[in-house]
C-alpha atoms as a PDB file:
ATOM      1  CA  MET A   1       4.819  14.747  -3.954  1.00  0.00           C
ATOM      2  CA  GLU A   2       6.080  15.456  -0.484  1.00  0.00           C
ATOM      3  CA  THR A   3       8.799  13.166   0.706  1.00  0.00           C
ATOM      4  CA  PRO A   4       7.851  10.681   3.445  1.00  0.00           C
ATOM      5  CA  GLY A   5       9.930  12.600   5.947  1.00  0.00           C
ATOM      6  CA  ALA A   6       8.416  15.993   5.244  1.00  0.00           C
ATOM      7  CA  SER A   7       6.762  17.330   8.369  1.00  0.00           C
ATOM      8  CA  ALA A   8       4.170  19.225   6.360  1.00  0.00           C
ATOM      9  CA  ALA A   9       2.812  16.144   4.604  1.00  0.00           C
ATOM     10  CA  ALA A  10      -0.881  15.516   5.039  1.00  0.00           C
ATOM     11  CA  ARG A  11      -1.888  12.279   6.722  1.00  0.00           C
ATOM     12  CA  PRO A  12      -2.299   9.808   3.849  1.00  0.00           C
ATOM     13  CA  ALA A  13      -5.224   8.031   5.491  1.00  0.00           C
ATOM     14  CA  ASP A  14      -7.097  11.326   5.774  1.00  0.00           C
ATOM     15  CA  VAL A  15      -6.931  12.177   2.081  1.00  0.00           C
ATOM     16  CA  GLY A  16      -7.866   8.902   0.492  1.00  0.00           C
ATOM     17  CA  GLY A  17      -4.590   7.115   1.007  1.00  0.00           C
ATOM     18  CA  ALA A  18      -1.854   9.493  -0.114  1.00  0.00           C
ATOM     19  CA  ALA A  19      -0.398  12.928   0.438  1.00  0.00           C
ATOM     20  CA  VAL A  20       0.230  15.003  -2.683  1.00  0.00           C
ATOM     21  CA  CYS A  21       1.674  18.478  -3.139  1.00  0.00           C
ATOM     22  CA  ASP A  22       0.153  21.114  -5.396  1.00  0.00           C
ATOM     23  CA  ASN A  23       3.476  21.490  -7.246  1.00  0.00           C
ATOM     24  CA  GLN A  24       2.705  18.364  -9.226  1.00  0.00           C
ATOM     25  CA  VAL A  25       0.705  20.413 -11.728  1.00  0.00           C
ATOM     26  CA  GLY A  26       1.990  23.226 -13.916  1.00  0.00           C
ATOM     27  CA  SER A  27       0.353  26.579 -14.506  1.00  0.00           C
ATOM     28  CA  ALA A  28      -1.521  25.195 -17.518  1.00  0.00           C
ATOM     29  CA  ASN A  29      -2.940  22.370 -15.386  1.00  0.00           C
ATOM     30  CA  ARG A  30      -0.521  19.914 -16.974  1.00  0.00           C
ATOM     31  CA  VAL A  31       1.269  17.116 -15.159  1.00  0.00           C
ATOM     32  CA  VAL A  32       4.908  18.041 -14.563  1.00  0.00           C
ATOM     33  CA  CYS A  33       5.900  15.943 -11.533  1.00  0.00           C
ATOM     34  CA  ASP A  34       9.014  13.898 -12.300  1.00  0.00           C
ATOM     35  CA  ASP A  35       7.880  10.870 -10.303  1.00  0.00           C
ATOM     36  CA  GLN A  36       4.462  10.961 -11.963  1.00  0.00           C
ATOM     37  CA  VAL A  37       2.212  10.662  -8.911  1.00  0.00           C
ATOM     38  CA  VAL A  38      -0.837  12.898  -9.231  1.00  0.00           C
ATOM     39  CA  ARG A  39      -4.340  13.138  -7.812  1.00  0.00           C
ATOM     40  CA  ASP A  40      -7.212  13.270 -10.274  1.00  0.00           C
ATOM     41  CA  ASP A  41      -8.399  16.691  -9.084  1.00  0.00           C
ATOM     42  CA  GLN A  42      -5.020  18.320  -9.753  1.00  0.00           C
ATOM     43  CA  ALA A  43      -4.982  17.917 -13.538  1.00  0.00           C
ATOM     44  CA  ASP A  44      -7.535  17.704 -16.317  1.00  0.00           C
ATOM     45  CA  PHE A  45      -8.261  14.492 -18.168  1.00  0.00           C
ATOM     46  CA  PRO A  46      -6.350  15.398 -21.375  1.00  0.00           C
ATOM     47  CA  SER A  47      -3.231  16.095 -19.293  1.00  0.00           C
ATOM     48  CA  LEU A  48      -3.593  12.804 -17.446  1.00  0.00           C
ATOM     49  CA  ARG A  49      -4.184  10.987 -20.720  1.00  0.00           C
ATOM     50  CA  ASP A  50      -1.026  12.455 -22.257  1.00  0.00           C
ATOM     51  CA  ALA A  51       1.016  11.630 -19.163  1.00  0.00           C
ATOM     52  CA  ALA A  52      -0.243   8.042 -19.100  1.00  0.00           C
ATOM     53  CA  LYS A  53       0.573   7.544 -22.780  1.00  0.00           C
ATOM     54  CA  SER A  54       4.049   9.068 -22.456  1.00  0.00           C
ATOM     55  CA  ARG A  55       4.949   6.918 -19.439  1.00  0.00           C
ATOM     56  CA  ARG A  56       3.553   3.644 -20.726  1.00  0.00           C
ATOM     57  CA  GLY A  57       6.214   0.968 -21.062  1.00  0.00           C
ATOM     58  CA  SER A  58       8.823   3.156 -19.359  1.00  0.00           C
ATOM     59  CA  GLY A  59       8.952   1.141 -16.146  1.00  0.00           C
ATOM     60  CA  ASP A  60       7.772   4.269 -14.322  1.00  0.00           C
ATOM     61  CA  PRO A  61       4.056   4.587 -15.161  1.00  0.00           C
ATOM     62  CA  LEU A  62       1.730   7.382 -14.184  1.00  0.00           C
ATOM     63  CA  LYS A  63       0.323   6.730 -10.714  1.00  0.00           C
ATOM     64  CA  LEU A  64      -3.121   8.242 -10.354  1.00  0.00           C
ATOM     65  CA  ILE A  65      -4.839   8.814  -7.012  1.00  0.00           C
ATOM     66  CA  ASP A  66      -8.589   8.491  -7.513  1.00  0.00           C
ATOM     67  CA  SER A  67     -10.627  10.930  -5.431  1.00  0.00           C
ATOM     68  CA  GLY A  68     -13.837  10.333  -7.389  1.00  0.00           C
ATOM     69  CA  LYS A  69     -13.574  13.259  -9.817  1.00  0.00           C
ATOM     70  CA  LEU A  70     -13.178  11.269 -13.038  1.00  0.00           C
ATOM     71  CA  SER A  71     -15.846   9.133 -14.648  1.00  0.00           C
ATOM     72  CA  VAL A  72     -15.471   5.369 -14.796  1.00  0.00           C
ATOM     73  CA  PRO A  73     -14.878   5.403 -18.592  1.00  0.00           C
ATOM     74  CA  GLU A  74     -12.105   7.975 -18.079  1.00  0.00           C
ATOM     75  CA  LEU A  75     -10.472   5.764 -15.464  1.00  0.00           C
ATOM     76  CA  GLU A  76     -10.806   2.799 -17.814  1.00  0.00           C
ATOM     77  CA  TRP A  77      -9.088   4.744 -20.560  1.00  0.00           C
ATOM     78  CA  LEU A  78      -6.224   5.749 -18.271  1.00  0.00           C
ATOM     79  CA  GLY A  79      -5.826   2.191 -16.997  1.00  0.00           C
ATOM     80  CA  ALA A  80      -5.752   0.829 -20.544  1.00  0.00           C
ATOM     81  CA  ALA A  81      -3.108   3.461 -21.345  1.00  0.00           C
ATOM     82  CA  GLY A  82      -0.906   2.024 -18.597  1.00  0.00           C
ATOM     83  CA  ALA A  83      -1.714   4.281 -15.642  1.00  0.00           C
ATOM     84  CA  GLU A  84      -1.779   2.642 -12.231  1.00  0.00           C
ATOM     85  CA  ILE A  85      -4.941   3.590 -10.332  1.00  0.00           C
ATOM     86  CA  PHE A  86      -4.932   4.004  -6.551  1.00  0.00           C
ATOM     87  CA  THR A  87      -8.475   4.268  -5.247  1.00  0.00           C
ATOM     88  CA  SER A  88     -10.296   3.790  -1.939  1.00  0.00           C
ATOM     89  CA  ASP A  89     -13.764   3.636  -0.444  1.00  0.00           C
ATOM     90  CA  CYS A  90     -13.429   7.414   0.033  1.00  0.00           C
ATOM     91  CA  ALA A  91     -13.829   7.773  -3.751  1.00  0.00           C
ATOM     92  CA  GLY A  92     -17.263   6.119  -3.644  1.00  0.00           C
ATOM     93  CA  ARG A  93     -16.680   3.570  -6.410  1.00  0.00           C
ATOM     94  CA  ASN A  94     -18.783   0.416  -6.291  1.00  0.00           C
ATOM     95  CA  ALA A  95     -17.518  -3.074  -7.058  1.00  0.00           C
ATOM     96  CA  HIS A  96     -18.794  -3.015 -10.638  1.00  0.00           C
ATOM     97  CA  ASP A  97     -16.915   0.235 -11.324  1.00  0.00           C
ATOM     98  CA  LEU A  98     -13.725  -1.149  -9.796  1.00  0.00           C
ATOM     99  CA  ALA A  99     -13.981  -4.357 -11.818  1.00  0.00           C
ATOM    100  CA  LEU A 100     -14.326  -2.387 -15.066  1.00  0.00           C
ATOM    101  CA  VAL A 101     -11.312  -0.227 -14.271  1.00  0.00           C
ATOM    102  CA  SER A 102      -9.260  -3.231 -13.153  1.00  0.00           C
ATOM    103  CA  ASN A 103     -10.049  -5.140 -16.350  1.00  0.00           C
ATOM    104  CA  ALA A 104      -9.022  -2.157 -18.479  1.00  0.00           C
ATOM    105  CA  ALA A 105      -5.821  -1.654 -16.501  1.00  0.00           C
ATOM    106  CA  GLY A 106      -4.961  -5.329 -16.871  1.00  0.00           C
ATOM    107  CA  LYS A 107      -5.125  -4.964 -20.660  1.00  0.00           C
ATOM    108  CA  GLY A 108      -2.749  -2.014 -20.351  1.00  0.00           C
ATOM    109  CA  GLY A 109      -0.305  -3.949 -18.189  1.00  0.00           C
ATOM    110  CA  ALA A 110      -1.152  -1.790 -15.163  1.00  0.00           C
ATOM    111  CA  ARG A 111      -2.758  -2.428 -11.778  1.00  0.00           C
ATOM    112  CA  VAL A 112      -5.548  -1.075  -9.614  1.00  0.00           C
ATOM    113  CA  ALA A 113      -5.133  -0.837  -5.841  1.00  0.00           C
ATOM    114  CA  HIS A 114      -8.062  -0.286  -3.451  1.00  0.00           C
ATOM    115  CA  PHE A 115      -7.558   0.911   0.137  1.00  0.00           C
ATOM    116  CA  HIS A 116     -10.543   0.174   2.373  1.00  0.00           C
ATOM    117  CA  HIS A 117     -10.658   2.667   5.236  1.00  0.00           C
ATOM    118  CA  GLY A 118     -14.117   1.959   6.620  1.00  0.00           C
ATOM    119  CA  PRO A 119     -15.512  -1.066   8.449  1.00  0.00           C
ATOM    120  CA  PHE A 120     -16.183  -4.300   6.606  1.00  0.00           C
ATOM    121  CA  LEU A 121     -19.956  -4.190   6.102  1.00  0.00           C
ATOM    122  CA  THR A 122     -22.053  -7.052   4.803  1.00  0.00           C
ATOM    123  CA  LYS A 123     -25.321  -5.441   3.698  1.00  0.00           C
ATOM    124  CA  GLU A 124     -25.937  -3.818   0.326  1.00  0.00           C
ATOM    125  CA  GLY A 125     -26.296  -0.061   0.644  1.00  0.00           C
ATOM    126  CA  GLU A 126     -24.227   0.204   3.822  1.00  0.00           C
ATOM    127  CA  SER A 127     -20.973   0.593   1.918  1.00  0.00           C
ATOM    128  CA  PRO A 128     -19.993   1.292  -1.700  1.00  0.00           C
ATOM    129  CA  VAL A 129     -18.102  -2.014  -1.546  1.00  0.00           C
ATOM    130  CA  PRO A 130     -19.648  -4.597   0.821  1.00  0.00           C
ATOM    131  CA  PHE A 131     -17.347  -7.259   2.195  1.00  0.00           C
ATOM    132  CA  ALA A 132     -18.552  -9.969  -0.212  1.00  0.00           C
ATOM    133  CA  ASP A 133     -17.668  -7.673  -3.102  1.00  0.00           C
ATOM    134  CA  LEU A 134     -14.217  -7.029  -1.638  1.00  0.00           C
ATOM    135  CA  LEU A 135     -13.609 -10.777  -1.634  1.00  0.00           C
ATOM    136  CA  GLU A 136     -14.717 -11.060  -5.251  1.00  0.00           C
ATOM    137  CA  LEU A 137     -12.503  -8.144  -6.262  1.00  0.00           C
ATOM    138  CA  GLY A 138      -9.546  -9.813  -4.609  1.00  0.00           C
ATOM    139  CA  ARG A 139     -10.253 -13.045  -6.454  1.00  0.00           C
ATOM    140  CA  SER A 140     -10.434 -11.062  -9.709  1.00  0.00           C
ATOM    141  CA  GLY A 141      -6.917  -9.676  -9.247  1.00  0.00           C
ATOM    142  CA  LEU A 142      -7.426  -6.290  -7.574  1.00  0.00           C
ATOM    143  CA  LEU A 143      -4.791  -5.280  -5.018  1.00  0.00           C
ATOM    144  CA  LEU A 144      -6.507  -4.727  -1.640  1.00  0.00           C
ATOM    145  CA  TYR A 145      -5.260  -2.896   1.442  1.00  0.00           C
ATOM    146  CA  ALA A 146      -6.676  -2.127   4.891  1.00  0.00           C
ATOM    147  CA  SER A 147      -5.618  -0.706   8.235  1.00  0.00           C
ATOM    148  CA  ASN A 148      -6.907  -0.810  11.789  1.00  0.00           C
ATOM    149  CA  VAL A 149      -6.202   2.870  12.414  1.00  0.00           C
ATOM    150  CA  LYS A 150      -9.818   3.987  11.737  1.00  0.00           C
ATOM    151  CA  ALA A 151     -11.771   0.759  12.196  1.00  0.00           C
ATOM    152  CA  ALA A 152     -11.179  -2.328  14.328  1.00  0.00           C
ATOM    153  CA  ARG A 153     -10.423  -5.390  12.205  1.00  0.00           C
ATOM    154  CA  ASP A 154     -11.502  -8.972  12.664  1.00  0.00           C
ATOM    155  CA  PHE A 155      -8.636 -11.278  11.742  1.00  0.00           C
ATOM    156  CA  ALA A 156     -10.965 -13.875  10.248  1.00  0.00           C
ATOM    157  CA  ALA A 157     -12.047 -11.195   7.742  1.00  0.00           C
ATOM    158  CA  LEU A 158      -8.455 -10.188   7.084  1.00  0.00           C
ATOM    159  CA  ASP A 159      -7.495 -13.817   6.472  1.00  0.00           C
ATOM    160  CA  ALA A 160     -10.410 -14.177   4.045  1.00  0.00           C
ATOM    161  CA  LEU A 161      -9.278 -11.102   2.095  1.00  0.00           C
ATOM    162  CA  SER A 162      -5.704 -12.366   1.963  1.00  0.00           C
ATOM    163  CA  ASN A 163      -6.809 -15.779   0.711  1.00  0.00           C
ATOM    164  CA  ALA A 164      -9.057 -14.161  -1.906  1.00  0.00           C
ATOM    165  CA  CYS A 165      -6.183 -12.037  -3.215  1.00  0.00           C
ATOM    166  CA  ALA A 166      -3.873 -15.059  -3.293  1.00  0.00           C
ATOM    167  CA  LYS A 167      -6.440 -16.929  -5.419  1.00  0.00           C
ATOM    168  CA  GLY A 168      -6.543 -13.948  -7.769  1.00  0.00           C
ATOM    169  CA  GLY A 169      -2.772 -13.968  -8.175  1.00  0.00           C
ATOM    170  CA  THR A 170      -2.302 -10.763  -6.238  1.00  0.00           C
ATOM    171  CA  ARG A 171      -1.637  -9.752  -2.610  1.00  0.00           C
ATOM    172  CA  PHE A 172      -3.430  -8.234   0.360  1.00  0.00           C
ATOM    173  CA  GLY A 173      -1.692  -5.555   2.422  1.00  0.00           C
ATOM    174  CA  TYR A 174      -2.527  -4.863   6.063  1.00  0.00           C
ATOM    175  CA  TYR A 175      -1.256  -1.986   8.237  1.00  0.00           C
ATOM    176  CA  HIS A 176      -1.375  -2.916  11.925  1.00  0.00           C
ATOM    177  CA  HIS A 177      -1.257  -0.271  14.649  1.00  0.00           C
ATOM    178  CA  GLY A 178      -0.930  -1.057  18.340  1.00  0.00           C
ATOM    179  CA  ALA A 179       0.093  -4.127  20.293  1.00  0.00           C
ATOM    180  CA  LEU A 180       1.081  -7.213  18.348  1.00  0.00           C
ATOM    181  CA  VAL A 181      -1.236 -10.214  18.490  1.00  0.00           C
ATOM    182  CA  ALA A 182      -0.650 -13.864  17.661  1.00  0.00           C
ATOM    183  CA  ALA A 183      -3.227 -13.763  14.830  1.00  0.00           C
ATOM    184  CA  LEU A 184      -0.761 -11.700  12.800  1.00  0.00           C
ATOM    185  CA  GLU A 185       1.296 -14.842  12.171  1.00  0.00           C
ATOM    186  CA  ASP A 186      -1.660 -16.650  10.584  1.00  0.00           C
ATOM    187  CA  LEU A 187      -2.362 -13.598   8.435  1.00  0.00           C
ATOM    188  CA  ALA A 188       1.258 -13.534   7.296  1.00  0.00           C
ATOM    189  CA  ARG A 189       1.130 -17.260   6.567  1.00  0.00           C
ATOM    190  CA  SER A 190      -1.873 -16.679   4.278  1.00  0.00           C
ATOM    191  CA  GLY A 191       0.314 -14.547   1.997  1.00  0.00           C
ATOM    192  CA  ALA A 192      -0.473 -11.042   3.223  1.00  0.00           C
ATOM    193  CA  TRP A 193       2.011  -8.202   3.354  1.00  0.00           C
ATOM    194  CA  VAL A 194       1.890  -7.027   6.975  1.00  0.00           C
ATOM    195  CA  HIS A 195       3.071  -3.549   7.999  1.00  0.00           C
ATOM    196  CA  ILE A 196       4.020  -2.889  11.614  1.00  0.00           C
ATOM    197  CA  ASP A 197       4.901   0.304  13.483  1.00  0.00           C
ATOM    198  CA  GLY A 198       8.283  -0.095  15.173  1.00  0.00           C
ATOM    199  CA  ARG A 199       6.848   1.381  18.364  1.00  0.00           C
ATOM    200  CA  SER A 200       4.676  -1.749  18.678  1.00  0.00           C
ATOM    201  CA  LEU A 201       7.762  -3.755  19.662  1.00  0.00           C
ATOM    202  CA  ALA A 202       7.527  -3.285  23.403  1.00  0.00           C
ATOM    203  CA  ALA A 203       9.250  -6.482  24.576  1.00  0.00           C
ATOM    204  CA  ASP A 204      11.524  -9.322  23.428  1.00  0.00           C
ATOM    205  CA  ALA A 205       8.407 -11.464  22.910  1.00  0.00           C
ATOM    206  CA  ASP A 206       7.178  -8.960  20.308  1.00  0.00           C
ATOM    207  CA  VAL A 207      10.448  -9.241  18.399  1.00  0.00           C
ATOM    208  CA  ALA A 208      10.188 -13.040  18.454  1.00  0.00           C
ATOM    209  CA  LEU A 209       6.577 -12.936  17.239  1.00  0.00           C
ATOM    210  CA  LEU A 210       7.426 -10.521  14.441  1.00  0.00           C
ATOM    211  CA  ALA A 211      10.334 -12.738  13.350  1.00  0.00           C
ATOM    212  CA  ASP A 212       7.927 -15.702  13.204  1.00  0.00           C
ATOM    213  CA  CYS A 213       5.531 -13.591  11.127  1.00  0.00           C
ATOM    214  CA  ALA A 214       8.324 -12.624   8.730  1.00  0.00           C
ATOM    215  CA  ARG A 215       9.344 -16.249   8.215  1.00  0.00           C
ATOM    216  CA  ALA A 216       5.722 -17.313   7.670  1.00  0.00           C
ATOM    217  CA  ALA A 217       5.082 -14.523   5.180  1.00  0.00           C
ATOM    218  CA  ARG A 218       8.295 -15.164   3.283  1.00  0.00           C
ATOM    219  CA  ALA A 219       7.381 -18.841   2.904  1.00  0.00           C
ATOM    220  CA  ALA A 220       4.043 -17.718   1.406  1.00  0.00           C
ATOM    221  CA  GLY A 221       5.680 -15.337  -1.076  1.00  0.00           C
ATOM    222  CA  ALA A 222       4.902 -12.147   0.865  1.00  0.00           C
ATOM    223  CA  GLY A 223       6.572 -10.393   3.791  1.00  0.00           C
ATOM    224  CA  VAL A 224       6.540  -8.204   6.875  1.00  0.00           C
ATOM    225  CA  VAL A 225       7.470  -4.510   6.726  1.00  0.00           C
ATOM    226  CA  LEU A 226       8.631  -2.796   9.918  1.00  0.00           C
ATOM    227  CA  HIS A 227       8.445   1.019   9.930  1.00  0.00           C
ATOM    228  CA  VAL A 228      11.161   2.330  12.247  1.00  0.00           C
ATOM    229  CA  ASP A 229      11.148   6.006  13.223  1.00  0.00           C
ATOM    230  CA  ALA A 230      13.023   5.502  16.508  1.00  0.00           C
ATOM    231  CA  LEU A 231      16.026   3.192  16.624  1.00  0.00           C
ATOM    232  CA  LEU A 232      15.512  -0.191  18.269  1.00  0.00           C
ATOM    233  CA  ASP A 233      18.002  -2.513  19.906  1.00  0.00           C
ATOM    234  CA  PRO A 234      20.522  -3.440  17.146  1.00  0.00           C
ATOM    235  CA  ALA A 235      20.485  -7.120  18.128  1.00  0.00           C
ATOM    236  CA  SER A 236      16.703  -7.177  17.639  1.00  0.00           C
ATOM    237  CA  ILE A 237      17.013  -5.501  14.251  1.00  0.00           C
ATOM    238  CA  ALA A 238      19.641  -8.051  13.200  1.00  0.00           C
ATOM    239  CA  ASP A 239      17.365 -10.930  14.243  1.00  0.00           C
ATOM    240  CA  LEU A 240      14.457  -9.476  12.266  1.00  0.00           C
ATOM    241  CA  ILE A 241      16.544  -8.949   9.141  1.00  0.00           C
ATOM    242  CA  GLU A 242      17.806 -12.523   9.426  1.00  0.00           C
ATOM    243  CA  ALA A 243      14.182 -13.711   9.579  1.00  0.00           C
ATOM    244  CA  GLY A 244      13.439 -11.828   6.345  1.00  0.00           C
ATOM    245  CA  CYS A 245      11.692  -8.778   7.784  1.00  0.00           C
ATOM    246  CA  HIS A 246      11.844  -5.698   5.552  1.00  0.00           C
ATOM    247  CA  ILE A 247      12.863  -2.749   7.695  1.00  0.00           C
ATOM    248  CA  LEU A 248      12.169   0.790   6.534  1.00  0.00           C
ATOM    249  CA  PHE A 249      14.432   3.136   8.502  1.00  0.00           C
ATOM    250  CA  LEU A 250      12.694   6.508   8.710  1.00  0.00           C
ATOM    251  CA  THR A 251      15.530   7.851  10.870  1.00  0.00           C
ATOM    252  CA  PRO A 252      18.496   9.898   9.583  1.00  0.00           C
ATOM    253  CA  PRO A 253      21.347   7.748   8.190  1.00  0.00           C
ATOM    254  CA  SER A 254      23.666   6.554  10.936  1.00  0.00           C
ATOM    255  CA  ASP A 255      27.283   7.556  11.237  1.00  0.00           C
ATOM    256  CA  TYR A 256      29.729   5.059   9.739  1.00  0.00           C
ATOM    257  CA  ARG A 257      30.941   4.198  13.256  1.00  0.00           C
ATOM    258  CA  SER A 258      27.429   3.350  14.456  1.00  0.00           C
ATOM    259  CA  PRO A 259      26.357  -0.292  14.892  1.00  0.00           C
ATOM    260  CA  TYR A 260      23.222   0.624  12.944  1.00  0.00           C
ATOM    261  CA  ARG A 261      25.138   1.528   9.773  1.00  0.00           C
ATOM    262  CA  SER A 262      25.659  -2.065   8.583  1.00  0.00           C
ATOM    263  CA  LEU A 263      22.067  -2.941   9.547  1.00  0.00           C
ATOM    264  CA  GLU A 264      20.711  -0.090   7.447  1.00  0.00           C
ATOM    265  CA  GLU A 265      22.772  -1.302   4.487  1.00  0.00           C
ATOM    266  CA  ARG A 266      21.543  -4.878   4.940  1.00  0.00           C
ATOM    267  CA  ALA A 267      17.939  -3.657   5.121  1.00  0.00           C
ATOM    268  CA  ARG A 268      18.321  -1.696   1.873  1.00  0.00           C
ATOM    269  CA  ARG A 269      19.527  -4.802   0.054  1.00  0.00           C
ATOM    270  CA  LEU A 270      16.357  -6.729   0.900  1.00  0.00           C
ATOM    271  CA  ARG A 271      14.110  -6.057  -2.085  1.00  0.00           C
ATOM    272  CA  LEU A 272      10.566  -4.896  -1.356  1.00  0.00           C
ATOM    273  CA  ASP A 273       7.829  -6.102  -3.706  1.00  0.00           C
ATOM    274  CA  PRO A 274       6.013  -3.121  -5.317  1.00  0.00           C
ATOM    275  CA  ARG A 275       2.714  -4.736  -4.289  1.00  0.00           C
ATOM    276  CA  ALA A 276       3.691  -4.659  -0.608  1.00  0.00           C
ATOM    277  CA  SER A 277       2.592  -1.065  -0.050  1.00  0.00           C
ATOM    278  CA  TYR A 278      -0.223   1.230  -1.069  1.00  0.00           C
ATOM    279  CA  LEU A 279       1.444   3.880  -3.249  1.00  0.00           C
ATOM    280  CA  PHE A 280       4.264   5.101  -0.946  1.00  0.00           C
ATOM    281  CA  PRO A 281       6.258   2.425   0.943  1.00  0.00           C
ATOM    282  CA  ALA A 282       7.319   4.692   3.816  1.00  0.00           C
ATOM    283  CA  PHE A 283       3.795   5.686   4.886  1.00  0.00           C
ATOM    284  CA  MET A 284       2.344   3.685   7.779  1.00  0.00           C
ATOM    285  CA  LEU A 285      -1.335   4.070   6.847  1.00  0.00           C
END
């Protein structure tokens, strides 16, 4: 796996939701990556099966990125063995397939996460997973994620997905690019994990809105994640941390004399739910 700060990393959204290096697989096509994140086309099924079995119950399960190579029964087997499956509409799975894999993973104490890149379509045949099926998958306990980077999003649809996931005992994650809008607060209040690019904070009003979103999300058992790759005003950062906003500093660690040093330490102490992000927390998908 390439680290989030590696300049050579592929865009996660362009490769099904995650960037993965070839050095995750040994010369015999066996999984050797210490952090156990691998794409299904970089190892054969027996290797993935062995890795899933060896990591089960360790607290650090195999994380498998589904590109569509494996059959549904193979994914079911891996899920039942404790592997966490990260799939997307790019893999071409339909709702029935996803439900089977999710049920098997649940029996293995694992989870299945689906990232929906394309538009929310309502008619059968227009999408492998029509919007009504996405809602049902959320209600069944599947982790769902979406972004507005490739397709414009209607907030009524996002709210519906968040509410469906909440009913299923799971969470919906949304990655928002561009100017902040008031509808984000309602989405946060519904229990969604909302990711924001730090460059979207263009004015004091944006900071105030994001703080309101963080408080609303925290009250609903979720949260707001701010991805910061260029340092913001320290007073604004302090206000956001106080409101419960999770801040991911993607900048080099500050000098001990910097006013940002204590803020970075405070941000690290605020625990981030594993369900908040799709696979890698630092990626703004």
